[in-house]
Amino acid sequence: MLRGPGRLLRVTAAPVAALAVALVSSLSRCSLLEPEDPVVSALSPYFGTKTRYEDANPGLLPNPEAPRRDPELLEETCTPVQLVALIRHGTRYPTAKQIRKLRQLHGLLQARRPGDDGTRAAGGRSLGAALANWPLWYADWMDGQLVEKGRQDMRQLALRLASLFPALFSRENYGRLQLVTSSKHRCVDSGAAFLQGLWQHYHPGVPPPDVAGDRPGLLASAYPDMECGPPRINDKLMRFFDYCEKFLTQVEKNATALYHVEAFKTGPEMQNILNKVAATLQVPVNNLSADLIQVAFFTCSFDLAIKGVKSPWCDVFDIDDAKVLEYLNDLKQYWKRGYGYTINSRSSCTLFQDIFQHLDKAIEQKKSSQPVSSPVILQFGHAETLLPLLSLMGYFKDKEPLTAYNYKEQMHRKFRSGHIVPYASNLIFVLYHCKNAKTPKEEFRVQMLLNEKVLPLAHSQQTVSLYEDLKNYYKDILQSCHTSEECDVPKVNTSDEL
C-alpha cells in the first residue's frame, strides 16, 4: 500500500504501528466501489500462482454481501464457535527481479530491425512492433507490493466471510479478533484491507472516515467501536521457510534442488515455445531464454490482474503454450514448496500446530462455559505459506511425482498451483459446537474450506469431521513434528580428533 522511495514501512520495528498506518492509509486513499466487469483471457486458467482469485473460483457472486453458500456448510443444530483463516495476500505487482527481466525483453523487441514484421497482431501491425510500443509501466519500486485490485480482493473476502459467519464476525466479537501477518508489505496491507472490508460490513453505505496523516494513534480515535487486539508481525509463523536451516541448505540454496525445473526449461516442450516466440516476434532465438518467455507470459497475467487489460503479451501464446508454462511454474512449486522434498512440508509443522492450539483452546473455553477468547483468527501469508501446509496435510498429491520428463502423463495432475493458491487464496478451519450430541466426542466438529469451498477431509473424504477424529489422524504432526528436530542441520565434525 505504501509506495515509492522513502515510503517503505518498517514493519519489523513496530508491527502494531505498521498495520495501523497501513489501515489508515488504505481507508483514506481507497475506494469501496465494486469492480467493473473483468476482462477474461483464454490463458487465465494457466497462470499458476499468478492466477486471479475469481478465475480459480468463478462461482463468486458479484455481491459479496450475499455470497453463494456452499450447501455442505453445517447449520441448524451446529453453531460455529471459532474460525481460523490462513490467507494469501491479494493481487500484487511483479517483483523487481521480474521487472528487470521484462525490461530486458522489451529492449530486445525495441532493437528489432525495421523490416522485421513478424506475426501480425489483430490490428494489422506486427506483434513485435505492438509489444515494442506497448507502455512498460512497471517500475522497480513496485517490487511485489499490493495493488488496488489486491486490496479489493481482501475487502470482498472480508465481506463474504462476515456474511457467511455473522455470529463470529459480529461487532461484539471485533475486539477479540486476532490478526497475524508476515512482515512483507503485501501481507500487512492485505490485513489492513480485510479490516476495511469489515468496516463496510459493520457500517453499510457509510464511507470510511476521512483520516489524514500516518500517525498510528489516529486509528483508535477514528474507530473507537472497532478496536481489535493488537496485530502481530510473526515471520516465524507466516514465513517459517526462512527460519528452517535444513530447508535453506537442502532446497533454497542448493543448486541442484530444482533439477527438474532446469531440465524442463531445456526440454522439447519449452524449446518448441522458444522457437515459436522467436519467429513470432522476429528476434534471434539465442537471445531468448525460458526465463524471459516465462516473464512475457506472466506479464500478460499482471496486466490482466492489475489493470483488467488484455495486453499484446497475451497474443504471443496459445493455450497449448500456456499449459506448458503452467507446468513449468508447477514444477518449481512442487519441488520447492510441495511434495518434492519432505522438508518442504515438515518445515510448516509449527504453523499446523498453532492452528490446532487455537482450536483446542476454544473447545476448552466452551466446555467450561467461558466465552471463546478469539472467535476469529486471521493469518496473512504467502503462497509459500499455504502450499507446504496443504502438502503436510496430504492434499493434492499425485501418484507419480512431477518431473521434467512426464509432462504429458501429468496433464490431469492434482497439483495445479493456480487452482490451489491463486492470489487471495485461503484455507479456513471452522470449529462447530453441536447441540443434541449423543456423546461428548460428537459435541465438537470441524470443517475446512479452501478458497471458500468446503474441502473434503483427507482421512475420510467427508465434508465434516469430529474434532477428535481429525486430531487423531494428524497425531504424528501434532505430537512428533518439532521444528528444532526437523530443521536442524547435523553439524559435521571436521577436526582430526578421534
Protein backbone atom coordinates (compact mmCIF):
# COMPACT_ATOMS: atom_id res chain seq x y z
CA MET A 1 0.00 0.00 0.00
CA LEU A 2 2.75 2.46 0.94
CA ARG A 3 4.52 3.01 -2.35
CA GLY A 4 7.57 4.71 -3.78
CA PRO A 5 11.00 5.53 -2.46
CA GLY A 6 11.05 6.77 1.08
CA ARG A 7 7.62 5.30 1.82
CA LEU A 8 8.76 1.85 2.91
CA LEU A 9 7.10 0.62 6.08
CA ARG A 10 9.42 -0.60 8.83
CA VAL A 11 7.09 -3.36 9.94
CA THR A 12 9.63 -5.36 11.89
CA ALA A 13 10.39 -2.46 14.23
CA ALA A 14 6.82 -1.59 15.14
CA PRO A 15 4.34 -4.22 13.95
CA VAL A 16 1.27 -2.70 15.61
CA ALA A 17 2.05 0.73 14.23
CA ALA A 18 2.79 -0.76 10.82
CA LEU A 19 -0.62 -2.33 10.42
CA ALA A 20 -2.32 0.74 11.84
CA VAL A 21 -0.52 3.00 9.37
CA ALA A 22 -1.43 0.68 6.51
CA LEU A 23 -5.08 0.62 7.55
CA VAL A 24 -5.34 4.40 7.97
CA SER A 25 -3.65 4.96 4.63
CA SER A 26 -5.82 2.32 2.96
CA LEU A 27 -9.05 3.78 4.29
CA SER A 28 -8.16 7.34 3.35
CA ARG A 29 -6.96 6.60 -0.17
CA CYS A 30 -9.01 3.65 -1.45
CA SER A 31 -12.49 3.41 -2.88
CA LEU A 32 -15.04 0.79 -1.86
CA LEU A 33 -16.63 0.73 -5.32
CA GLU A 34 -17.43 -2.62 -6.87
CA PRO A 35 -15.13 -3.73 -9.71
CA GLU A 36 -16.11 -3.29 -13.33
CA ASP A 37 -16.81 -6.36 -15.42
CA PRO A 38 -13.50 -8.22 -15.52
CA VAL A 39 -11.61 -8.80 -18.73
CA VAL A 40 -11.18 -12.51 -19.39
CA SER A 41 -8.31 -14.16 -21.25
CA ALA A 42 -8.29 -17.70 -22.62
CA LEU A 43 -4.95 -18.06 -20.82
CA SER A 44 -6.41 -17.14 -17.40
CA PRO A 45 -6.67 -20.70 -16.01
CA TYR A 46 -2.95 -21.36 -16.57
CA PHE A 47 -1.15 -18.60 -14.68
CA GLY A 48 -0.25 -20.75 -11.67
CA THR A 49 0.45 -18.69 -8.56
CA LYS A 50 -0.22 -15.51 -10.61
CA THR A 51 -3.86 -16.56 -11.15
CA ARG A 52 -6.67 -14.18 -10.22
CA TYR A 53 -8.88 -15.41 -7.41
CA GLU A 54 -12.04 -15.09 -9.49
CA ASP A 55 -10.52 -17.29 -12.22
CA ALA A 56 -9.82 -20.05 -9.70
CA ASN A 57 -13.19 -19.55 -8.01
CA PRO A 58 -15.60 -18.48 -10.76
CA GLY A 59 -18.69 -19.21 -8.64
CA LEU A 60 -18.32 -15.99 -6.64
CA LEU A 61 -21.31 -13.69 -6.89
CA PRO A 62 -20.84 -10.01 -7.80
CA ASN A 63 -22.44 -9.05 -4.48
CA PRO A 64 -20.07 -10.09 -1.67
CA GLU A 65 -22.71 -9.24 0.93
CA ALA A 66 -24.84 -12.11 -0.41
CA PRO A 67 -22.29 -14.83 -1.22
CA ARG A 68 -23.21 -18.24 -2.52
CA ARG A 69 -23.33 -20.54 0.49
CA ASP A 70 -21.71 -23.91 -0.02
CA PRO A 71 -24.52 -26.40 0.63
CA GLU A 72 -22.05 -28.60 2.52
CA LEU A 73 -21.59 -25.99 5.27
CA LEU A 74 -23.03 -27.13 8.60
CA GLU A 75 -26.02 -25.28 10.02
CA GLU A 76 -29.09 -25.78 12.21
CA THR A 77 -28.00 -27.63 15.37
CA CYS A 78 -24.27 -26.91 14.87
CA THR A 79 -23.09 -23.39 15.68
CA PRO A 80 -19.68 -22.06 14.59
CA VAL A 81 -17.62 -21.03 17.60
CA GLN A 82 -14.25 -20.28 16.01
CA LEU A 83 -12.79 -19.56 12.58
CA VAL A 84 -9.05 -19.78 11.87
CA ALA A 85 -8.14 -18.46 8.42
CA LEU A 86 -4.79 -18.65 6.67
CA ILE A 87 -4.96 -16.12 3.82
CA ARG A 88 -2.56 -15.41 0.98
CA HIS A 89 -2.10 -11.72 0.17
CA GLY A 90 -4.13 -10.21 -2.66
CA THR A 91 -3.05 -9.33 -6.20
CA ARG A 92 0.40 -7.77 -6.26
CA TYR A 93 2.83 -6.04 -8.58
CA PRO A 94 5.65 -8.07 -10.16
CA THR A 95 8.86 -8.30 -8.17
CA ALA A 96 11.82 -6.08 -9.07
CA LYS A 97 13.58 -9.17 -10.46
CA GLN A 98 10.66 -9.89 -12.81
CA ILE A 99 10.51 -6.23 -13.85
CA ARG A 100 14.21 -6.21 -14.74
CA LYS A 101 13.73 -9.30 -16.93
CA LEU A 102 10.73 -7.69 -18.63
CA ARG A 103 12.83 -4.60 -19.31
CA GLN A 104 15.47 -6.85 -20.88
CA LEU A 105 12.87 -8.50 -23.12
CA HIS A 106 11.36 -5.13 -24.02
CA GLY A 107 14.84 -3.94 -25.05
CA LEU A 108 15.22 -6.92 -27.40
CA LEU A 109 11.96 -6.00 -29.12
CA GLN A 110 12.91 -2.35 -29.47
CA ALA A 111 16.23 -3.39 -31.04
CA ARG A 112 14.48 -5.29 -33.84
CA ARG A 113 15.40 -4.28 -37.40
CA PRO A 114 12.83 -2.02 -39.13
CA GLY A 115 11.99 -4.70 -41.70
CA ASP A 116 11.23 -7.40 -39.14
CA ASP A 117 7.45 -7.67 -39.30
CA GLY A 118 6.88 -10.96 -37.54
CA THR A 119 3.41 -12.27 -36.84
CA ARG A 120 0.64 -9.75 -37.41
CA ALA A 121 -1.38 -8.53 -34.43
CA ALA A 122 -5.16 -8.19 -34.58
CA GLY A 123 -4.92 -4.58 -35.77
CA GLY A 124 -2.67 -5.44 -38.70
CA ARG A 125 0.52 -4.19 -37.04
CA SER A 126 3.24 -6.74 -36.27
CA LEU A 127 3.07 -8.24 -32.79
CA GLY A 128 6.71 -7.45 -32.20
CA ALA A 129 6.13 -3.79 -33.05
CA ALA A 130 2.99 -3.69 -30.91
CA LEU A 131 4.93 -5.02 -27.94
CA ALA A 132 7.87 -2.70 -28.56
CA ASN A 133 5.44 0.23 -28.38
CA TRP A 134 3.33 -1.18 -25.54
CA PRO A 135 3.90 1.00 -22.44
CA LEU A 136 6.32 -0.56 -20.00
CA TRP A 137 4.71 0.97 -16.93
CA TYR A 138 6.30 -1.27 -14.28
CA ALA A 139 8.94 0.36 -12.04
CA ASP A 140 11.42 -1.19 -9.62
CA TRP A 141 9.78 0.40 -6.56
CA MET A 142 6.66 -1.72 -7.13
CA ASP A 143 8.63 -4.86 -6.14
CA GLY A 144 5.79 -7.22 -5.23
CA GLN A 145 3.69 -4.67 -3.36
CA LEU A 146 -0.10 -4.96 -3.11
CA VAL A 147 -2.14 -3.23 -5.82
CA GLU A 148 -5.63 -1.73 -5.61
CA LYS A 149 -7.09 -4.94 -7.06
CA GLY A 150 -5.36 -6.82 -4.22
CA ARG A 151 -6.98 -4.58 -1.62
CA GLN A 152 -10.29 -5.19 -3.34
CA ASP A 153 -9.63 -8.97 -3.15
CA MET A 154 -9.27 -8.64 0.62
CA ARG A 155 -12.21 -6.30 1.21
CA GLN A 156 -14.55 -8.56 -0.68
CA LEU A 157 -13.25 -11.69 1.05
CA ALA A 158 -13.95 -9.98 4.37
CA LEU A 159 -17.48 -9.10 3.26
CA ARG A 160 -18.20 -12.66 2.14
CA LEU A 161 -16.82 -14.32 5.27
CA ALA A 162 -18.62 -11.87 7.55
CA SER A 163 -21.86 -12.60 5.69
CA LEU A 164 -21.36 -16.38 5.81
CA PHE A 165 -20.44 -16.40 9.52
CA PRO A 166 -22.30 -13.42 11.01
CA ALA A 167 -22.15 -14.69 14.60
CA LEU A 168 -18.36 -14.99 14.50
CA PHE A 169 -17.82 -11.65 12.77
CA SER A 170 -20.29 -9.76 14.95
CA ARG A 171 -19.48 -6.24 16.12
CA GLU A 172 -19.26 -7.60 19.66
CA ASN A 173 -16.53 -10.03 18.61
CA TYR A 174 -14.41 -7.44 16.80
CA GLY A 175 -12.45 -6.59 19.92
CA ARG A 176 -11.46 -10.27 20.23
CA LEU A 177 -10.30 -10.69 16.64
CA GLN A 178 -6.67 -11.83 16.31
CA LEU A 179 -4.64 -10.77 13.30
CA VAL A 180 -1.19 -12.11 12.44
CA THR A 181 0.76 -11.19 9.32
CA SER A 182 4.06 -11.70 7.55
CA SER A 183 6.32 -8.65 7.60
CA LYS A 184 6.05 -8.20 3.82
CA HIS A 185 4.19 -5.06 2.77
CA ARG A 186 1.71 -7.01 0.63
CA CYS A 187 0.66 -9.08 3.67
CA VAL A 188 0.45 -6.15 6.09
CA ASP A 189 -1.60 -4.20 3.54
CA SER A 190 -3.81 -7.23 2.89
CA GLY A 191 -4.65 -7.37 6.60
CA ALA A 192 -5.46 -3.66 6.54
CA ALA A 193 -7.73 -4.06 3.51
CA PHE A 194 -9.52 -7.00 5.14
CA LEU A 195 -10.29 -4.79 8.14
CA GLN A 196 -11.51 -2.15 5.73
CA GLY A 197 -13.97 -4.71 4.34
CA LEU A 198 -15.20 -5.35 7.87
CA TRP A 199 -15.78 -1.58 8.25
CA GLN A 200 -18.04 -1.75 5.20
CA HIS A 201 -19.83 -4.77 6.68
CA TYR A 202 -20.43 -3.06 10.03
CA HIS A 203 -21.32 0.33 8.50
CA PRO A 204 -23.08 -0.42 5.17
CA GLY A 205 -23.34 2.63 2.96
CA VAL A 206 -21.21 4.74 5.30
CA PRO A 207 -17.94 5.99 3.75
CA PRO A 208 -14.84 5.31 5.82
CA PRO A 209 -13.65 8.25 7.95
CA ASP A 210 -11.60 10.88 6.19
CA VAL A 211 -8.37 10.25 8.03
CA ALA A 212 -5.35 12.34 7.11
CA GLY A 213 -1.77 11.57 8.02
CA ASP A 214 0.02 8.41 9.00
CA ARG A 215 0.05 8.68 12.80
CA PRO A 216 -0.91 5.27 14.23
CA GLY A 217 -2.81 6.93 17.08
CA LEU A 218 -5.42 8.09 14.59
CA LEU A 219 -6.62 4.51 14.23
CA ALA A 220 -8.05 4.34 17.73
CA SER A 221 -9.68 7.76 17.54
CA ALA A 222 -11.18 7.06 14.12
CA TYR A 223 -12.56 3.65 15.09
CA PRO A 224 -13.49 3.71 18.78
CA ASP A 225 -16.02 0.92 18.22
CA MET A 226 -13.71 -1.27 16.13
CA GLU A 227 -10.57 -1.61 18.20
CA CYS A 228 -9.31 -5.14 17.77
CA GLY A 229 -6.50 -6.84 19.60
CA PRO A 230 -3.02 -5.73 18.62
CA PRO A 231 -1.92 -7.16 15.26
CA ARG A 232 1.31 -9.10 15.26
CA ILE A 233 4.09 -9.49 12.74
CA ASN A 234 5.19 -13.12 13.03
CA ASP A 235 7.54 -14.27 10.30
CA LYS A 236 8.48 -17.43 12.20
CA LEU A 237 4.86 -18.49 11.73
CA MET A 238 4.00 -16.94 8.34
CA ARG A 239 7.45 -17.31 6.73
CA PHE A 240 8.62 -20.43 8.53
CA PHE A 241 10.68 -21.42 5.48
CA ASP A 242 13.08 -18.52 6.15
CA TYR A 243 13.87 -19.97 9.59
CA CYS A 244 14.33 -23.64 8.68
CA GLU A 245 18.04 -24.27 8.23
CA LYS A 246 17.53 -27.69 6.62
CA PHE A 247 15.17 -26.21 4.01
CA LEU A 248 17.55 -23.33 3.32
CA THR A 249 20.51 -25.68 2.96
CA GLN A 250 18.91 -28.57 1.09
CA VAL A 251 16.44 -26.68 -1.12
CA GLU A 252 16.62 -22.88 -1.16
CA LYS A 253 20.40 -22.61 -1.55
CA ASN A 254 21.01 -25.97 -3.20
CA ALA A 255 21.93 -25.51 -6.86
CA THR A 256 20.67 -28.99 -7.77
CA ALA A 257 17.38 -28.98 -5.81
CA LEU A 258 15.41 -27.66 -8.79
CA TYR A 259 16.98 -30.04 -11.27
CA HIS A 260 13.64 -30.90 -12.87
CA VAL A 261 12.75 -27.24 -13.32
CA GLU A 262 16.01 -26.51 -15.13
CA ALA A 263 15.78 -29.71 -17.18
CA PHE A 264 12.25 -28.83 -18.32
CA LYS A 265 13.45 -25.36 -19.40
CA THR A 266 15.76 -27.02 -21.94
CA GLY A 267 13.38 -29.83 -22.84
CA PRO A 268 11.43 -30.24 -26.10
CA GLU A 269 8.19 -28.64 -24.84
CA MET A 270 9.91 -25.39 -23.86
CA GLN A 271 12.20 -25.45 -26.90
CA ASN A 272 9.15 -25.51 -29.17
CA ILE A 273 7.81 -22.40 -27.45
CA LEU A 274 11.19 -20.64 -27.67
CA ASN A 275 11.38 -21.26 -31.43
CA LYS A 276 7.79 -20.21 -31.95
CA VAL A 277 8.09 -16.98 -29.95
CA ALA A 278 11.37 -16.07 -31.67
CA ALA A 279 9.67 -16.47 -35.05
CA THR A 280 6.56 -14.60 -33.91
CA LEU A 281 8.48 -11.62 -32.55
CA GLN A 282 11.33 -11.80 -35.09
CA VAL A 283 14.13 -11.87 -32.54
CA PRO A 284 17.08 -14.29 -32.58
CA VAL A 285 16.19 -17.43 -30.66
CA ASN A 286 19.60 -17.31 -28.99
CA ASN A 287 18.61 -14.02 -27.36
CA LEU A 288 15.64 -15.66 -25.68
CA SER A 289 15.55 -17.98 -22.68
CA ALA A 290 12.92 -19.94 -20.81
CA ASP A 291 13.06 -17.31 -18.05
CA LEU A 292 12.32 -14.47 -20.49
CA ILE A 293 9.49 -16.46 -22.06
CA GLN A 294 8.01 -17.06 -18.61
CA VAL A 295 8.26 -13.34 -17.78
CA ALA A 296 6.44 -12.49 -21.01
CA PHE A 297 3.69 -14.95 -20.06
CA PHE A 298 3.42 -13.55 -16.55
CA THR A 299 3.29 -10.00 -17.94
CA CYS A 300 0.07 -10.99 -19.66
CA SER A 301 -1.19 -12.15 -16.27
CA PHE A 302 -0.05 -8.99 -14.44
CA ASP A 303 -1.66 -6.64 -16.98
CA LEU A 304 -4.84 -8.69 -16.72
CA ALA A 305 -4.90 -8.91 -12.91
CA ILE A 306 -3.73 -5.39 -12.08
CA LYS A 307 -5.37 -3.29 -14.80
CA GLY A 308 -8.02 -5.62 -16.23
CA VAL A 309 -6.35 -5.26 -19.64
CA LYS A 310 -5.70 -7.97 -22.21
CA SER A 311 -2.33 -6.77 -23.46
CA PRO A 312 -0.48 -7.84 -26.63
CA TRP A 313 1.70 -10.04 -24.41
CA CYS A 314 -1.28 -12.41 -24.23
CA ASP A 315 -1.28 -12.72 -28.05
CA VAL A 316 2.20 -14.25 -28.01
CA PHE A 317 0.88 -17.52 -26.57
CA ASP A 318 -1.89 -20.01 -27.28
CA ILE A 319 -3.48 -22.45 -24.84
CA ASP A 320 -1.01 -25.24 -25.62
CA ASP A 321 1.84 -22.88 -24.76
CA ALA A 322 0.02 -21.81 -21.60
CA LYS A 323 -0.29 -25.41 -20.42
CA VAL A 324 3.46 -25.94 -20.83
CA LEU A 325 4.29 -22.71 -18.99
CA GLU A 326 1.84 -23.59 -16.24
CA TYR A 327 3.65 -26.91 -15.81
CA LEU A 328 7.00 -25.11 -15.57
CA ASN A 329 5.60 -22.98 -12.74
CA ASP A 330 4.04 -26.01 -11.05
CA LEU A 331 7.34 -27.90 -11.24
CA LYS A 332 9.02 -25.12 -9.26
CA GLN A 333 6.24 -25.07 -6.66
CA TYR A 334 6.24 -28.88 -6.41
CA TRP A 335 9.98 -29.20 -5.82
CA LYS A 336 10.42 -26.08 -3.69
CA ARG A 337 7.15 -25.90 -1.71
CA GLY A 338 5.29 -29.16 -2.26
CA TYR A 339 5.98 -32.88 -2.29
CA GLY A 340 9.38 -32.72 -3.99
CA TYR A 341 11.30 -32.83 -0.69
CA THR A 342 9.98 -33.89 2.71
CA ILE A 343 11.44 -30.82 4.44
CA ASN A 344 9.25 -28.53 2.30
CA SER A 345 6.14 -29.62 4.19
CA ARG A 346 7.70 -30.61 7.53
CA SER A 347 9.01 -27.07 7.93
CA SER A 348 5.38 -25.94 8.32
CA CYS A 349 4.57 -28.16 11.31
CA THR A 350 4.75 -25.24 13.78
CA LEU A 351 2.06 -23.39 11.82
CA PHE A 352 -0.11 -26.51 11.70
CA GLN A 353 0.26 -26.99 15.45
CA ASP A 354 -0.52 -23.33 16.07
CA ILE A 355 -3.87 -23.72 14.29
CA PHE A 356 -4.82 -26.69 16.46
CA GLN A 357 -3.72 -24.91 19.62
CA HIS A 358 -6.29 -22.21 18.84
CA LEU A 359 -8.97 -24.83 18.24
CA ASP A 360 -8.05 -26.70 21.44
CA LYS A 361 -8.27 -23.51 23.47
CA ALA A 362 -11.69 -22.65 22.04
CA ILE A 363 -13.00 -26.12 22.96
CA GLU A 364 -11.57 -25.87 26.45
CA GLN A 365 -13.24 -22.48 26.97
CA LYS A 366 -16.54 -23.69 25.55
CA LYS A 367 -16.54 -26.77 27.79
CA SER A 368 -16.01 -24.60 30.86
CA SER A 369 -18.83 -22.24 29.78
CA GLN A 370 -16.43 -19.35 29.14
CA PRO A 371 -16.68 -17.10 26.08
CA VAL A 372 -14.25 -18.05 23.33
CA SER A 373 -11.44 -15.52 23.71
CA SER A 374 -10.60 -15.43 19.97
CA PRO A 375 -13.61 -16.31 17.79
CA VAL A 376 -11.80 -15.17 14.62
CA ILE A 377 -8.09 -15.62 13.92
CA LEU A 378 -6.75 -14.18 10.65
CA GLN A 379 -3.25 -15.03 9.44
CA PHE A 380 -1.89 -13.32 6.32
CA GLY A 381 0.95 -15.01 4.46
CA HIS A 382 2.06 -16.22 1.05
CA ALA A 383 1.54 -19.00 -1.48
CA GLU A 384 4.75 -20.36 0.06
CA THR A 385 2.95 -20.46 3.41
CA LEU A 386 -0.10 -22.34 2.17
CA LEU A 387 1.40 -24.91 -0.21
CA PRO A 388 3.73 -26.60 2.31
CA LEU A 389 0.90 -26.75 4.85
CA LEU A 390 -1.52 -28.36 2.39
CA SER A 391 1.22 -30.83 1.41
CA LEU A 392 1.84 -31.61 5.09
CA MET A 393 -1.87 -32.45 5.36
CA GLY A 394 -1.77 -34.73 2.32
CA TYR A 395 -3.72 -32.66 -0.20
CA PHE A 396 -3.22 -32.58 -4.00
CA LYS A 397 -0.72 -35.42 -4.04
CA ASP A 398 -0.32 -37.23 -7.34
CA LYS A 399 0.57 -40.91 -7.62
CA GLU A 400 3.73 -40.05 -9.51
CA PRO A 401 5.98 -37.05 -8.81
CA LEU A 402 6.07 -34.17 -11.28
CA THR A 403 9.29 -34.37 -13.30
CA ALA A 404 10.87 -32.76 -16.32
CA TYR A 405 10.04 -35.85 -18.35
CA ASN A 406 6.38 -36.70 -17.66
CA TYR A 407 4.58 -33.54 -18.79
CA LYS A 408 2.06 -35.44 -20.94
CA GLU A 409 1.37 -38.00 -18.20
CA GLN A 410 0.68 -35.17 -15.74
CA MET A 411 -1.86 -33.32 -17.89
CA HIS A 412 -4.59 -34.22 -15.38
CA ARG A 413 -2.48 -33.78 -12.24
CA LYS A 414 -3.97 -32.75 -8.90
CA PHE A 415 -1.07 -30.42 -8.11
CA ARG A 416 -2.03 -27.28 -10.05
CA SER A 417 -0.87 -24.26 -8.08
CA GLY A 418 -3.28 -21.87 -9.81
CA HIS A 419 -6.24 -23.91 -8.60
CA ILE A 420 -4.82 -24.22 -5.09
CA VAL A 421 -3.10 -20.91 -4.26
CA PRO A 422 -4.21 -18.09 -6.56
CA TYR A 423 -3.98 -14.55 -5.25
CA ALA A 424 -6.11 -14.16 -2.09
CA SER A 425 -6.33 -17.95 -1.64
CA ASN A 426 -7.46 -19.03 1.79
CA LEU A 427 -7.53 -22.13 3.96
CA ILE A 428 -10.15 -21.88 6.69
CA PHE A 429 -10.83 -24.10 9.70
CA VAL A 430 -14.32 -23.73 11.18
CA LEU A 431 -14.97 -25.24 14.61
CA TYR A 432 -18.59 -26.03 15.49
CA HIS A 433 -20.37 -26.79 18.73
CA CYS A 434 -23.25 -29.16 18.07
CA LYS A 435 -26.31 -29.42 20.29
CA ASN A 436 -28.07 -32.73 20.88
CA ALA A 437 -24.77 -34.60 20.59
CA LYS A 438 -25.10 -38.17 21.83
CA THR A 439 -21.58 -38.25 23.32
CA PRO A 440 -19.09 -35.56 24.39
CA LYS A 441 -16.88 -36.58 21.46
CA GLU A 442 -19.64 -35.67 18.99
CA GLU A 443 -20.11 -32.24 20.52
CA PHE A 444 -17.31 -30.55 18.55
CA ARG A 445 -16.91 -30.85 14.81
CA VAL A 446 -14.76 -29.15 12.22
CA GLN A 447 -14.93 -28.27 8.56
CA MET A 448 -12.20 -26.98 6.27
CA LEU A 449 -12.69 -24.61 3.37
CA LEU A 450 -10.21 -23.96 0.58
CA ASN A 451 -10.94 -20.79 -1.34
CA GLU A 452 -14.38 -20.68 0.30
CA LYS A 453 -15.36 -24.16 -0.87
CA VAL A 454 -15.72 -27.00 1.63
CA LEU A 455 -12.65 -29.23 1.38
CA PRO A 456 -13.18 -32.96 1.92
CA LEU A 457 -11.15 -34.25 4.85
CA ALA A 458 -8.06 -36.22 3.86
CA HIS A 459 -8.76 -39.07 6.27
CA SER A 460 -12.39 -39.68 5.34
CA GLN A 461 -13.25 -37.71 2.19
CA GLN A 462 -16.24 -36.46 4.18
CA THR A 463 -17.03 -32.74 4.43
CA VAL A 464 -17.22 -32.70 8.22
CA SER A 465 -15.24 -34.47 10.91
CA LEU A 466 -15.48 -34.97 14.63
CA TYR A 467 -12.70 -32.80 16.00
CA GLU A 468 -11.14 -35.67 17.92
CA ASP A 469 -11.04 -37.82 14.78
CA LEU A 470 -9.24 -35.07 12.86
CA LYS A 471 -6.71 -34.63 15.67
CA ASN A 472 -6.13 -38.36 15.81
CA TYR A 473 -5.49 -38.53 12.06
CA TYR A 474 -2.81 -35.84 12.34
CA LYS A 475 -1.44 -37.17 15.63
CA ASP A 476 2.09 -37.62 14.27
CA ILE A 477 2.35 -33.99 13.13
CA LEU A 478 0.77 -32.62 16.29
CA GLN A 479 2.91 -34.66 18.66
CA SER A 480 6.11 -35.56 16.85
CA CYS A 481 6.87 -32.76 14.41
CA HIS A 482 9.29 -30.46 16.25
CA THR A 483 10.83 -27.60 14.29
CA SER A 484 14.14 -27.88 16.10
CA GLU A 485 14.48 -31.52 15.08
CA GLU A 486 13.00 -31.17 11.59
CA CYS A 487 15.01 -28.10 10.62
CA ASP A 488 18.36 -28.61 12.33
CA VAL A 489 21.24 -29.48 10.03
CA PRO A 490 23.63 -32.03 11.61
CA LYS A 491 26.99 -30.45 12.31
CA VAL A 492 29.87 -32.18 10.58
CA ASN A 493 32.98 -32.75 12.69
CA THR A 494 35.86 -31.51 10.56
CA SER A 495 38.57 -31.92 13.19
CA ASP A 496 41.16 -34.67 13.14
CA GLU A 497 40.32 -35.83 16.65
CA LEU A 498 39.30 -39.46 17.10
